[in-house]
PDB file of N, CA and C in Angstrom:
ATOM      1  N   MET A   1     -39.267 -22.694 -33.205  1.00  0.00           N
ATOM      2  CA  MET A   1     -39.275 -21.850 -32.025  1.00  0.00           C
ATOM      3  C   MET A   1     -38.504 -20.565 -32.315  1.00  0.00           C
ATOM      4  N   VAL A   2     -39.005 -19.483 -31.786  1.00  0.00           N
ATOM      5  CA  VAL A   2     -38.379 -18.185 -32.033  1.00  0.00           C
ATOM      6  C   VAL A   2     -37.833 -17.607 -30.729  1.00  0.00           C
ATOM      7  N   ASN A   3     -36.885 -16.714 -30.896  1.00  0.00           N
ATOM      8  CA  ASN A   3     -36.318 -15.984 -29.772  1.00  0.00           C
ATOM      9  C   ASN A   3     -37.103 -14.681 -29.620  1.00  0.00           C
ATOM     10  N   VAL A   4     -37.706 -14.492 -28.467  1.00  0.00           N
ATOM     11  CA  VAL A   4     -38.524 -13.306 -28.220  1.00  0.00           C
ATOM     12  C   VAL A   4     -37.635 -12.236 -27.607  1.00  0.00           C
ATOM     13  N   SER A   5     -37.518 -11.120 -28.292  1.00  0.00           N
ATOM     14  CA  SER A   5     -36.638 -10.046 -27.836  1.00  0.00           C
ATOM     15  C   SER A   5     -37.287  -9.222 -26.727  1.00  0.00           C
ATOM     16  N   GLY A   6     -36.451  -8.520 -26.004  1.00  0.00           N
ATOM     17  CA  GLY A   6     -36.941  -7.612 -24.980  1.00  0.00           C
ATOM     18  C   GLY A   6     -37.799  -6.515 -25.568  1.00  0.00           C
ATOM     19  N   LYS A   7     -37.484  -6.121 -26.804  1.00  0.00           N
ATOM     20  CA  LYS A   7     -38.263  -5.075 -27.480  1.00  0.00           C
ATOM     21  C   LYS A   7     -39.710  -5.522 -27.670  1.00  0.00           C
ATOM     22  N   ILE A   8     -39.896  -6.756 -28.081  1.00  0.00           N
ATOM     23  CA  ILE A   8     -41.249  -7.273 -28.287  1.00  0.00           C
ATOM     24  C   ILE A   8     -41.983  -7.354 -26.944  1.00  0.00           C
ATOM     25  N   LYS A   9     -41.274  -7.792 -25.922  1.00  0.00           N
ATOM     26  CA  LYS A   9     -41.897  -7.844 -24.594  1.00  0.00           C
ATOM     27  C   LYS A   9     -42.319  -6.446 -24.157  1.00  0.00           C
ATOM     28  N   TRP A  10     -41.463  -5.472 -24.372  1.00  0.00           N
ATOM     29  CA  TRP A  10     -41.783  -4.095 -23.981  1.00  0.00           C
ATOM     30  C   TRP A  10     -42.976  -3.563 -24.779  1.00  0.00           C
ATOM     31  N   GLN A  11     -42.991  -3.812 -26.083  1.00  0.00           N
ATOM     32  CA  GLN A  11     -44.091  -3.334 -26.922  1.00  0.00           C
ATOM     33  C   GLN A  11     -45.414  -4.012 -26.581  1.00  0.00           C
ATOM     34  N   SER A  12     -45.334  -5.176 -25.971  1.00  0.00           N
ATOM     35  CA  SER A  12     -46.545  -5.902 -25.584  1.00  0.00           C
ATOM     36  C   SER A  12     -47.170  -5.331 -24.326  1.00  0.00           C
ATOM     37  N   ARG A  13     -46.434  -4.542 -23.582  1.00  0.00           N
ATOM     38  CA  ARG A  13     -46.981  -3.857 -22.401  1.00  0.00           C
ATOM     39  C   ARG A  13     -47.769  -2.656 -22.898  1.00  0.00           C
ATOM     40  N   ARG A  14     -49.066  -2.729 -22.793  1.00  0.00           N
ATOM     41  CA  ARG A  14     -49.903  -1.691 -23.372  1.00  0.00           C
ATOM     42  C   ARG A  14     -50.415  -0.693 -22.341  1.00  0.00           C
ATOM     43  N   GLY A  15     -50.415  -1.047 -21.076  1.00  0.00           N
ATOM     44  CA  GLY A  15     -50.911  -0.135 -20.060  1.00  0.00           C
ATOM     45  C   GLY A  15     -52.409  -0.219 -19.840  1.00  0.00           C
ATOM     46  N   MET A  16     -53.072  -1.043 -20.599  1.00  0.00           N
ATOM     47  CA  MET A  16     -54.502  -1.306 -20.381  1.00  0.00           C
ATOM     48  C   MET A  16     -54.597  -2.696 -19.778  1.00  0.00           C
ATOM     49  N   ARG A  17     -55.214  -2.783 -18.635  1.00  0.00           N
ATOM     50  CA  ARG A  17     -55.270  -4.060 -17.912  1.00  0.00           C
ATOM     51  C   ARG A  17     -55.778  -5.197 -18.807  1.00  0.00           C
ATOM     52  N   GLU A  18     -56.832  -4.937 -19.561  1.00  0.00           N
ATOM     53  CA  GLU A  18     -57.417  -5.976 -20.411  1.00  0.00           C
ATOM     54  C   GLU A  18     -56.391  -6.525 -21.404  1.00  0.00           C
ATOM     55  N   LEU A  19     -55.613  -5.632 -21.988  1.00  0.00           N
ATOM     56  CA  LEU A  19     -54.618  -6.066 -22.973  1.00  0.00           C
ATOM     57  C   LEU A  19     -53.424  -6.716 -22.299  1.00  0.00           C
ATOM     58  N   ASP A  20     -52.972  -6.133 -21.195  1.00  0.00           N
ATOM     59  CA  ASP A  20     -51.821  -6.705 -20.498  1.00  0.00           C
ATOM     60  C   ASP A  20     -52.107  -8.122 -20.007  1.00  0.00           C
ATOM     61  N   LEU A  21     -53.331  -8.391 -19.597  1.00  0.00           N
ATOM     62  CA  LEU A  21     -53.683  -9.732 -19.135  1.00  0.00           C
ATOM     63  C   LEU A  21     -53.691 -10.751 -20.272  1.00  0.00           C
ATOM     64  N   MET A  22     -53.869 -10.272 -21.490  1.00  0.00           N
ATOM     65  CA  MET A  22     -53.838 -11.169 -22.652  1.00  0.00           C
ATOM     66  C   MET A  22     -52.424 -11.290 -23.224  1.00  0.00           C
ATOM     67  N   LEU A  23     -51.780 -10.145 -23.431  1.00  0.00           N
ATOM     68  CA  LEU A  23     -50.537 -10.128 -24.180  1.00  0.00           C
ATOM     69  C   LEU A  23     -49.303 -10.547 -23.365  1.00  0.00           C
ATOM     70  N   LEU A  24     -49.181 -10.077 -22.139  1.00  0.00           N
ATOM     71  CA  LEU A  24     -47.958 -10.364 -21.383  1.00  0.00           C
ATOM     72  C   LEU A  24     -47.776 -11.852 -21.090  1.00  0.00           C
ATOM     73  N   PRO A  25     -48.795 -12.561 -20.609  1.00  0.00           N
ATOM     74  CA  PRO A  25     -48.611 -14.008 -20.438  1.00  0.00           C
ATOM     75  C   PRO A  25     -48.347 -14.722 -21.760  1.00  0.00           C
ATOM     76  N   PHE A  26     -48.994 -14.249 -22.825  1.00  0.00           N
ATOM     77  CA  PHE A  26     -48.761 -14.857 -24.140  1.00  0.00           C
ATOM     78  C   PHE A  26     -47.294 -14.729 -24.543  1.00  0.00           C
ATOM     79  N   VAL A  27     -46.745 -13.527 -24.389  1.00  0.00           N
ATOM     80  CA  VAL A  27     -45.348 -13.301 -24.775  1.00  0.00           C
ATOM     81  C   VAL A  27     -44.406 -14.125 -23.895  1.00  0.00           C
ATOM     82  N   GLU A  28     -44.703 -14.190 -22.615  1.00  0.00           N
ATOM     83  CA  GLU A  28     -43.829 -14.900 -21.687  1.00  0.00           C
ATOM     84  C   GLU A  28     -43.908 -16.411 -21.826  1.00  0.00           C
ATOM     85  N   GLU A  29     -45.078 -16.935 -22.184  1.00  0.00           N
ATOM     86  CA  GLU A  29     -45.264 -18.388 -22.155  1.00  0.00           C
ATOM     87  C   GLU A  29     -45.457 -19.053 -23.511  1.00  0.00           C
ATOM     88  N   ASP A  30     -45.977 -18.331 -24.485  1.00  0.00           N
ATOM     89  CA  ASP A  30     -46.409 -18.996 -25.723  1.00  0.00           C
ATOM     90  C   ASP A  30     -45.692 -18.550 -26.993  1.00  0.00           C
ATOM     91  N   LEU A  31     -45.325 -17.289 -27.074  1.00  0.00           N
ATOM     92  CA  LEU A  31     -44.795 -16.752 -28.330  1.00  0.00           C
ATOM     93  C   LEU A  31     -43.529 -17.478 -28.787  1.00  0.00           C
ATOM     94  N   SER A  32     -42.705 -17.896 -27.855  1.00  0.00           N
ATOM     95  CA  SER A  32     -41.452 -18.565 -28.237  1.00  0.00           C
ATOM     96  C   SER A  32     -41.700 -19.910 -28.917  1.00  0.00           C
ATOM     97  N   HIS A  33     -42.909 -20.453 -28.814  1.00  0.00           N
ATOM     98  CA  HIS A  33     -43.239 -21.741 -29.434  1.00  0.00           C
ATOM     99  C   HIS A  33     -43.802 -21.594 -30.844  1.00  0.00           C
ATOM    100  N   THR A  34     -43.785 -20.378 -31.366  1.00  0.00           N
ATOM    101  CA  THR A  34     -44.307 -20.140 -32.713  1.00  0.00           C
ATOM    102  C   THR A  34     -43.146 -20.083 -33.706  1.00  0.00           C
ATOM    103  N   ASP A  35     -43.446 -19.778 -34.957  1.00  0.00           N
ATOM    104  CA  ASP A  35     -42.398 -19.682 -35.979  1.00  0.00           C
ATOM    105  C   ASP A  35     -42.132 -18.219 -36.348  1.00  0.00           C
ATOM    106  N   GLU A  36     -41.157 -18.021 -37.216  1.00  0.00           N
ATOM    107  CA  GLU A  36     -40.739 -16.660 -37.591  1.00  0.00           C
ATOM    108  C   GLU A  36     -41.865 -15.869 -38.254  1.00  0.00           C
ATOM    109  N   GLN A  37     -42.671 -16.520 -39.077  1.00  0.00           N
ATOM    110  CA  GLN A  37     -43.777 -15.810 -39.732  1.00  0.00           C
ATOM    111  C   GLN A  37     -44.799 -15.346 -38.702  1.00  0.00           C
ATOM    112  N   PHE A  38     -45.112 -16.201 -37.740  1.00  0.00           N
ATOM    113  CA  PHE A  38     -46.057 -15.799 -36.706  1.00  0.00           C
ATOM    114  C   PHE A  38     -45.490 -14.630 -35.911  1.00  0.00           C
ATOM    115  N   LEU A  39     -44.206 -14.665 -35.613  1.00  0.00           N
ATOM    116  CA  LEU A  39     -43.573 -13.567 -34.882  1.00  0.00           C
ATOM    117  C   LEU A  39     -43.710 -12.260 -35.660  1.00  0.00           C
ATOM    118  N   LYS A  40     -43.503 -12.307 -36.969  1.00  0.00           N
ATOM    119  CA  LYS A  40     -43.680 -11.108 -37.801  1.00  0.00           C
ATOM    120  C   LYS A  40     -45.129 -10.632 -37.765  1.00  0.00           C
ATOM    121  N   ASP A  41     -46.063 -11.574 -37.815  1.00  0.00           N
ATOM    122  CA  ASP A  41     -47.477 -11.218 -37.761  1.00  0.00           C
ATOM    123  C   ASP A  41     -47.826 -10.624 -36.395  1.00  0.00           C
ATOM    124  N   TYR A  42     -47.220 -11.139 -35.332  1.00  0.00           N
ATOM    125  CA  TYR A  42     -47.458 -10.588 -33.993  1.00  0.00           C
ATOM    126  C   TYR A  42     -46.908  -9.162 -33.898  1.00  0.00           C
ATOM    127  N   GLU A  43     -45.719  -8.952 -34.449  1.00  0.00           N
ATOM    128  CA  GLU A  43     -45.148  -7.601 -34.456  1.00  0.00           C
ATOM    129  C   GLU A  43     -46.062  -6.636 -35.214  1.00  0.00           C
ATOM    130  N   ASP A  44     -46.655  -7.104 -36.304  1.00  0.00           N
ATOM    131  CA  ASP A  44     -47.598  -6.283 -37.054  1.00  0.00           C
ATOM    132  C   ASP A  44     -48.833  -5.986 -36.201  1.00  0.00           C
ATOM    133  N   LEU A  45     -49.309  -6.969 -35.463  1.00  0.00           N
ATOM    134  CA  LEU A  45     -50.463  -6.760 -34.588  1.00  0.00           C
ATOM    135  C   LEU A  45     -50.183  -5.649 -33.580  1.00  0.00           C
ATOM    136  N   LEU A  46     -48.965  -5.601 -33.079  1.00  0.00           N
ATOM    137  CA  LEU A  46     -48.602  -4.599 -32.078  1.00  0.00           C
ATOM    138  C   LEU A  46     -48.630  -3.171 -32.631  1.00  0.00           C
ATOM    139  N   LEU A  47     -48.684  -3.013 -33.938  1.00  0.00           N
ATOM    140  CA  LEU A  47     -48.782  -1.684 -34.549  1.00  0.00           C
ATOM    141  C   LEU A  47     -50.194  -1.109 -34.430  1.00  0.00           C
ATOM    142  N   ALA A  48     -51.156  -1.946 -34.132  1.00  0.00           N
ATOM    143  CA  ALA A  48     -52.541  -1.490 -33.985  1.00  0.00           C
ATOM    144  C   ALA A  48     -52.684  -0.686 -32.698  1.00  0.00           C
ATOM    145  N   SER A  49     -53.693   0.161 -32.664  1.00  0.00           N
ATOM    146  CA  SER A  49     -53.954   0.964 -31.465  1.00  0.00           C
ATOM    147  C   SER A  49     -54.528   0.077 -30.363  1.00  0.00           C
ATOM    148  N   ASP A  50     -54.430   0.560 -29.141  1.00  0.00           N
ATOM    149  CA  ASP A  50     -54.992  -0.173 -28.015  1.00  0.00           C
ATOM    150  C   ASP A  50     -56.488  -0.386 -28.201  1.00  0.00           C
ATOM    151  N   LEU A  51     -57.180   0.630 -28.669  1.00  0.00           N
ATOM    152  CA  LEU A  51     -58.622   0.514 -28.872  1.00  0.00           C
ATOM    153  C   LEU A  51     -58.960  -0.564 -29.902  1.00  0.00           C
ATOM    154  N   GLU A  52     -58.197  -0.596 -30.996  1.00  0.00           N
ATOM    155  CA  GLU A  52     -58.417  -1.656 -31.991  1.00  0.00           C
ATOM    156  C   GLU A  52     -58.206  -3.025 -31.355  1.00  0.00           C
ATOM    157  N   LEU A  53     -57.129  -3.166 -30.605  1.00  0.00           N
ATOM    158  CA  LEU A  53     -56.824  -4.457 -29.979  1.00  0.00           C
ATOM    159  C   LEU A  53     -57.930  -4.882 -29.022  1.00  0.00           C
ATOM    160  N   VAL A  54     -58.413  -3.971 -28.219  1.00  0.00           N
ATOM    161  CA  VAL A  54     -59.495  -4.304 -27.287  1.00  0.00           C
ATOM    162  C   VAL A  54     -60.716  -4.792 -28.054  1.00  0.00           C
ATOM    163  N   HIS A  55     -61.088  -4.091 -29.108  1.00  0.00           N
ATOM    164  CA  HIS A  55     -62.244  -4.510 -29.917  1.00  0.00           C
ATOM    165  C   HIS A  55     -62.010  -5.890 -30.532  1.00  0.00           C
ATOM    166  N   TRP A  56     -60.819  -6.126 -31.026  1.00  0.00           N
ATOM    167  CA  TRP A  56     -60.525  -7.419 -31.661  1.00  0.00           C
ATOM    168  C   TRP A  56     -60.541  -8.556 -30.648  1.00  0.00           C
ATOM    169  N   PHE A  57     -59.972  -8.319 -29.471  1.00  0.00           N
ATOM    170  CA  PHE A  57     -59.934  -9.377 -28.470  1.00  0.00           C
ATOM    171  C   PHE A  57     -61.289  -9.637 -27.836  1.00  0.00           C
ATOM    172  N   ASN A  58     -62.128  -8.619 -27.700  1.00  0.00           N
ATOM    173  CA  ASN A  58     -63.447  -8.865 -27.107  1.00  0.00           C
ATOM    174  C   ASN A  58     -64.494  -9.226 -28.157  1.00  0.00           C
ATOM    175  N   GLY A  59     -64.104  -9.215 -29.424  1.00  0.00           N
ATOM    176  CA  GLY A  59     -64.979  -9.686 -30.487  1.00  0.00           C
ATOM    177  C   GLY A  59     -65.997  -8.691 -30.999  1.00  0.00           C
ATOM    178  N   THR A  60     -65.893  -7.418 -30.592  1.00  0.00           N
ATOM    179  CA  THR A  60     -66.855  -6.429 -31.091  1.00  0.00           C
ATOM    180  C   THR A  60     -66.513  -5.942 -32.489  1.00  0.00           C
ATOM    181  N   LYS A  61     -65.278  -6.148 -32.904  1.00  0.00           N
ATOM    182  CA  LYS A  61     -64.857  -5.830 -34.274  1.00  0.00           C
ATOM    183  C   LYS A  61     -63.926  -6.922 -34.764  1.00  0.00           C
ATOM    184  N   THR A  62     -63.786  -6.993 -36.080  1.00  0.00           N
ATOM    185  CA  THR A  62     -62.934  -7.997 -36.708  1.00  0.00           C
ATOM    186  C   THR A  62     -61.614  -7.351 -37.123  1.00  0.00           C
ATOM    187  N   PRO A  63     -60.490  -8.036 -36.885  1.00  0.00           N
ATOM    188  CA  PRO A  63     -59.209  -7.488 -37.339  1.00  0.00           C
ATOM    189  C   PRO A  63     -59.228  -7.184 -38.832  1.00  0.00           C
ATOM    190  N   ASP A  64     -58.387  -6.250 -39.230  1.00  0.00           N
ATOM    191  CA  ASP A  64     -58.393  -5.741 -40.598  1.00  0.00           C
ATOM    192  C   ASP A  64     -57.574  -6.570 -41.584  1.00  0.00           C
ATOM    193  N   SER A  65     -57.042  -7.701 -41.156  1.00  0.00           N
ATOM    194  CA  SER A  65     -56.348  -8.598 -42.084  1.00  0.00           C
ATOM    195  C   SER A  65     -56.445 -10.029 -41.569  1.00  0.00           C
ATOM    196  N   LYS A  66     -56.268 -10.976 -42.472  1.00  0.00           N
ATOM    197  CA  LYS A  66     -56.322 -12.389 -42.091  1.00  0.00           C
ATOM    198  C   LYS A  66     -55.185 -12.752 -41.146  1.00  0.00           C
ATOM    199  N   SER A  67     -54.007 -12.163 -41.371  1.00  0.00           N
ATOM    200  CA  SER A  67     -52.881 -12.491 -40.490  1.00  0.00           C
ATOM    201  C   SER A  67     -53.132 -11.982 -39.078  1.00  0.00           C
ATOM    202  N   ARG A  68     -53.708 -10.801 -38.953  1.00  0.00           N
ATOM    203  CA  ARG A  68     -54.026 -10.285 -37.613  1.00  0.00           C
ATOM    204  C   ARG A  68     -55.128 -11.120 -36.970  1.00  0.00           C
ATOM    205  N   GLN A  69     -56.095 -11.555 -37.751  1.00  0.00           N
ATOM    206  CA  GLN A  69     -57.153 -12.415 -37.207  1.00  0.00           C
ATOM    207  C   GLN A  69     -56.549 -13.714 -36.673  1.00  0.00           C
ATOM    208  N   LYS A  70     -55.614 -14.278 -37.425  1.00  0.00           N
ATOM    209  CA  LYS A  70     -54.966 -15.516 -37.009  1.00  0.00           C
ATOM    210  C   LYS A  70     -54.241 -15.332 -35.679  1.00  0.00           C
ATOM    211  N   VAL A  71     -53.541 -14.229 -35.527  1.00  0.00           N
ATOM    212  CA  VAL A  71     -52.796 -13.957 -34.295  1.00  0.00           C
ATOM    213  C   VAL A  71     -53.760 -13.747 -33.126  1.00  0.00           C
ATOM    214  N   VAL A  72     -54.800 -12.960 -33.335  1.00  0.00           N
ATOM    215  CA  VAL A  72     -55.786 -12.722 -32.283  1.00  0.00           C
ATOM    216  C   VAL A  72     -56.420 -14.040 -31.840  1.00  0.00           C
ATOM    217  N   ASP A  73     -56.809 -14.876 -32.785  1.00  0.00           N
ATOM    218  CA  ASP A  73     -57.426 -16.163 -32.461  1.00  0.00           C
ATOM    219  C   ASP A  73     -56.468 -17.037 -31.650  1.00  0.00           C
ATOM    220  N   TYR A  74     -55.197 -17.051 -32.034  1.00  0.00           N
ATOM    221  CA  TYR A  74     -54.211 -17.875 -31.331  1.00  0.00           C
ATOM    222  C   TYR A  74     -53.985 -17.361 -29.913  1.00  0.00           C
ATOM    223  N   ILE A  75     -53.870 -16.057 -29.754  1.00  0.00           N
ATOM    224  CA  ILE A  75     -53.674 -15.477 -28.417  1.00  0.00           C
ATOM    225  C   ILE A  75     -54.883 -15.785 -27.539  1.00  0.00           C
ATOM    226  N   LYS A  76     -56.083 -15.649 -28.082  1.00  0.00           N
ATOM    227  CA  LYS A  76     -57.293 -15.947 -27.320  1.00  0.00           C
ATOM    228  C   LYS A  76     -57.338 -17.421 -26.911  1.00  0.00           C
ATOM    229  N   ALA A  77     -56.907 -18.307 -27.794  1.00  0.00           N
ATOM    230  CA  ALA A  77     -56.891 -19.733 -27.473  1.00  0.00           C
ATOM    231  C   ALA A  77     -55.879 -20.024 -26.363  1.00  0.00           C
ATOM    232  N   CYS A  78     -54.717 -19.405 -26.448  1.00  0.00           N
ATOM    233  CA  CYS A  78     -53.702 -19.588 -25.400  1.00  0.00           C
ATOM    234  C   CYS A  78     -54.209 -19.046 -24.071  1.00  0.00           C
ATOM    235  N   HIS A  79     -54.874 -17.899 -24.107  1.00  0.00           N
ATOM    236  CA  HIS A  79     -55.428 -17.301 -22.895  1.00  0.00           C
ATOM    237  C   HIS A  79     -56.480 -18.209 -22.273  1.00  0.00           C
ATOM    238  N   ALA A  80     -57.329 -18.780 -23.105  1.00  0.00           N
ATOM    239  CA  ALA A  80     -58.401 -19.664 -22.615  1.00  0.00           C
ATOM    240  C   ALA A  80     -57.816 -20.878 -21.899  1.00  0.00           C
ATOM    241  N   LYS A  81     -56.700 -21.402 -22.396  1.00  0.00           N
ATOM    242  CA  LYS A  81     -56.050 -22.560 -21.767  1.00  0.00           C
ATOM    243  C   LYS A  81     -55.496 -22.206 -20.392  1.00  0.00           C
ATOM    244  N   ARG A  82     -55.120 -20.939 -20.210  1.00  0.00           N
ATOM    245  CA  ARG A  82     -54.563 -20.491 -18.924  1.00  0.00           C
ATOM    246  C   ARG A  82     -55.621 -20.139 -17.900  1.00  0.00           C
ATOM    247  N   MET A  83     -56.824 -19.866 -18.343  1.00  0.00           N
ATOM    248  CA  MET A  83     -57.887 -19.433 -17.435  1.00  0.00           C
ATOM    249  C   MET A  83     -58.058 -20.421 -16.282  1.00  0.00           C
ATOM    250  N   GLY A  84     -58.099 -19.899 -15.087  1.00  0.00           N
ATOM    251  CA  GLY A  84     -58.281 -20.724 -13.913  1.00  0.00           C
ATOM    252  C   GLY A  84     -57.004 -21.345 -13.375  1.00  0.00           C
ATOM    253  N   LYS A  85     -55.886 -21.145 -14.068  1.00  0.00           N
ATOM    254  CA  LYS A  85     -54.610 -21.726 -13.638  1.00  0.00           C
ATOM    255  C   LYS A  85     -53.706 -20.694 -12.982  1.00  0.00           C
ATOM    256  N   GLU A  86     -54.165 -19.449 -12.859  1.00  0.00           N
ATOM    257  CA  GLU A  86     -53.344 -18.421 -12.261  1.00  0.00           C
ATOM    258  C   GLU A  86     -53.048 -18.791 -10.812  1.00  0.00           C
ATOM    259  N   GLY A  87     -51.818 -18.595 -10.418  1.00  0.00           N
ATOM    260  CA  GLY A  87     -51.426 -18.838  -9.038  1.00  0.00           C
ATOM    261  C   GLY A  87     -51.228 -20.310  -8.681  1.00  0.00           C
ATOM    262  N   VAL A  88     -51.275 -21.189  -9.670  1.00  0.00           N
ATOM    263  CA  VAL A  88     -51.089 -22.623  -9.400  1.00  0.00           C
ATOM    264  C   VAL A  88     -49.626 -22.942  -9.376  1.00  0.00           C
TER     265      VAL A  88
END
């Protein structure tokens, strides 16, 4: 388990509704259950542009590295588990 810093939470706020709906719940609920390597890979993912992230999350483009693909896949899986549970 990793300690998620306020900096990472802030960097996860992208200002695009589509990204915020994926990233903010992930950071608040799931990221702390990963390991240090995954945290580093997530920080690397945050260096991508908003447009790249949108394409990667909606599947119209493939991430430019295996580590970023792994992070995107994990975030999407966590998001899918939350679907329909909002407000419960």
